[in-house]
């Protein structure tokens, strides 16, 4: 779905740079839990931006062939989650 929406890596990269700077240029990254909720798999990633603000990126994951791909992400401010 994401590939169809953006069509090229350049367009996808521009969207990430403009809308998710904490994902594009994090100062730190730590993988959190990989869990199933309601039949959907999620990978959480703990991020810190250049100003030191914490976020949790929650990626919805699907298995395509033998590979994992994300179908979307939700960014949550870390202070709401005690990060």
C-alpha atoms as a PDB file:
ATOM      1  CA  UNK A   1       0.000   0.000   0.000  1.00  0.00           C
ATOM      2  CA  UNK A   2       2.779   2.463   0.910  1.00  0.00           C
ATOM      3  CA  UNK A   3       4.682   1.640  -2.293  1.00  0.00           C
ATOM      4  CA  UNK A   4       1.564   2.332  -4.369  1.00  0.00           C
ATOM      5  CA  UNK A   5       0.876   5.588  -2.543  1.00  0.00           C
ATOM      6  CA  UNK A   6       4.354   7.122  -3.021  1.00  0.00           C
ATOM      7  CA  UNK A   7       5.480   5.208  -6.160  1.00  0.00           C
ATOM      8  CA  UNK A   8       9.199   6.124  -5.862  1.00  0.00           C
ATOM      9  CA  UNK A   9      11.785   5.992  -3.058  1.00  0.00           C
ATOM     10  CA  UNK A  10      12.479   9.719  -3.582  1.00  0.00           C
ATOM     11  CA  UNK A  11       8.853  10.668  -2.961  1.00  0.00           C
ATOM     12  CA  UNK A  12       8.699   8.444   0.094  1.00  0.00           C
ATOM     13  CA  UNK A  13      11.960   9.931   1.430  1.00  0.00           C
ATOM     14  CA  UNK A  14      10.656  13.475   0.945  1.00  0.00           C
ATOM     15  CA  UNK A  15       7.551  12.620   2.962  1.00  0.00           C
ATOM     16  CA  UNK A  16       9.627  11.134   5.799  1.00  0.00           C
ATOM     17  CA  UNK A  17      12.056  14.097   5.827  1.00  0.00           C
ATOM     18  CA  UNK A  18       9.205  16.605   5.941  1.00  0.00           C
ATOM     19  CA  UNK A  19       6.799  14.820   8.241  1.00  0.00           C
ATOM     20  CA  UNK A  20       8.924  12.632  10.496  1.00  0.00           C
ATOM     21  CA  UNK A  21      12.278  14.337  11.218  1.00  0.00           C
ATOM     22  CA  UNK A  22      12.747  12.186  14.331  1.00  0.00           C
ATOM     23  CA  UNK A  23      12.679   9.117  12.069  1.00  0.00           C
ATOM     24  CA  UNK A  24      14.841  10.644   9.321  1.00  0.00           C
ATOM     25  CA  UNK A  25      17.651  11.922  11.565  1.00  0.00           C
ATOM     26  CA  UNK A  26      17.336  10.439  15.055  1.00  0.00           C
ATOM     27  CA  UNK A  27      20.081  11.021  17.594  1.00  0.00           C
ATOM     28  CA  UNK A  28      19.387   7.574  19.082  1.00  0.00           C
ATOM     29  CA  UNK A  29      17.383   4.471  18.169  1.00  0.00           C
ATOM     30  CA  UNK A  30      16.416   1.440  20.286  1.00  0.00           C
ATOM     31  CA  UNK A  31      14.121  -1.362  19.234  1.00  0.00           C
ATOM     32  CA  UNK A  32      11.299  -2.048  21.654  1.00  0.00           C
ATOM     33  CA  UNK A  33       8.704  -4.782  21.687  1.00  0.00           C
ATOM     34  CA  UNK A  34       7.461  -6.827  18.747  1.00  0.00           C
ATOM     35  CA  UNK A  35       3.986  -7.904  19.681  1.00  0.00           C
ATOM     36  CA  UNK A  36       0.620  -9.021  18.416  1.00  0.00           C
ATOM     37  CA  UNK A  37      -2.508  -7.084  19.355  1.00  0.00           C
ATOM     38  CA  UNK A  38      -5.861  -8.087  17.925  1.00  0.00           C
ATOM     39  CA  UNK A  39      -4.261 -10.163  15.184  1.00  0.00           C
ATOM     40  CA  UNK A  40      -1.988  -7.301  14.059  1.00  0.00           C
ATOM     41  CA  UNK A  41       1.804  -7.297  14.594  1.00  0.00           C
ATOM     42  CA  UNK A  42       3.562  -4.155  15.827  1.00  0.00           C
ATOM     43  CA  UNK A  43       7.244  -3.255  16.179  1.00  0.00           C
ATOM     44  CA  UNK A  44       7.952  -0.368  18.531  1.00  0.00           C
ATOM     45  CA  UNK A  45      11.074   1.733  18.087  1.00  0.00           C
ATOM     46  CA  UNK A  46      12.270   4.244  20.693  1.00  0.00           C
ATOM     47  CA  UNK A  47      13.656   7.377  19.041  1.00  0.00           C
ATOM     48  CA  UNK A  48      15.270  10.569  20.221  1.00  0.00           C
ATOM     49  CA  UNK A  49      15.393  13.644  17.988  1.00  0.00           C
ATOM     50  CA  UNK A  50      18.256  16.129  17.638  1.00  0.00           C
ATOM     51  CA  UNK A  51      16.857  18.200  20.539  1.00  0.00           C
ATOM     52  CA  UNK A  52      16.745  15.183  22.870  1.00  0.00           C
ATOM     53  CA  UNK A  53      12.944  14.736  22.770  1.00  0.00           C
ATOM     54  CA  UNK A  54      11.811  11.092  23.017  1.00  0.00           C
ATOM     55  CA  UNK A  55       9.285   9.389  20.718  1.00  0.00           C
ATOM     56  CA  UNK A  56       7.946   5.911  20.183  1.00  0.00           C
ATOM     57  CA  UNK A  57       7.379   4.885  16.572  1.00  0.00           C
ATOM     58  CA  UNK A  58       4.905   2.037  16.391  1.00  0.00           C
ATOM     59  CA  UNK A  59       5.147   0.244  13.033  1.00  0.00           C
ATOM     60  CA  UNK A  60       2.346  -2.042  11.849  1.00  0.00           C
ATOM     61  CA  UNK A  61       4.059  -5.032  10.240  1.00  0.00           C
ATOM     62  CA  UNK A  62       3.082  -7.662   7.673  1.00  0.00           C
ATOM     63  CA  UNK A  63       4.956 -10.623   6.259  1.00  0.00           C
ATOM     64  CA  UNK A  64       5.379 -10.541   2.470  1.00  0.00           C
ATOM     65  CA  UNK A  65       7.016 -13.712   1.211  1.00  0.00           C
ATOM     66  CA  UNK A  66       9.934 -14.159   3.586  1.00  0.00           C
ATOM     67  CA  UNK A  67      10.301 -10.448   4.389  1.00  0.00           C
ATOM     68  CA  UNK A  68       8.778  -8.129   6.981  1.00  0.00           C
ATOM     69  CA  UNK A  69       7.349  -4.843   5.696  1.00  0.00           C
ATOM     70  CA  UNK A  70       5.543  -2.038   7.463  1.00  0.00           C
ATOM     71  CA  UNK A  71       2.115  -0.866   6.415  1.00  0.00           C
ATOM     72  CA  UNK A  72       2.135   2.324   8.460  1.00  0.00           C
ATOM     73  CA  UNK A  73       3.532   4.039  11.503  1.00  0.00           C
ATOM     74  CA  UNK A  74       2.130   5.917  14.448  1.00  0.00           C
ATOM     75  CA  UNK A  75       4.443   8.343  16.267  1.00  0.00           C
ATOM     76  CA  UNK A  76       3.769   8.880  19.959  1.00  0.00           C
ATOM     77  CA  UNK A  77       5.487  11.456  22.191  1.00  0.00           C
ATOM     78  CA  UNK A  78       7.672   9.604  24.663  1.00  0.00           C
ATOM     79  CA  UNK A  79       6.449  11.552  27.692  1.00  0.00           C
ATOM     80  CA  UNK A  80       2.960  10.087  27.219  1.00  0.00           C
ATOM     81  CA  UNK A  81       4.492   6.621  27.592  1.00  0.00           C
ATOM     82  CA  UNK A  82       7.019   7.358  30.311  1.00  0.00           C
ATOM     83  CA  UNK A  83      10.004   7.253  27.914  1.00  0.00           C
END
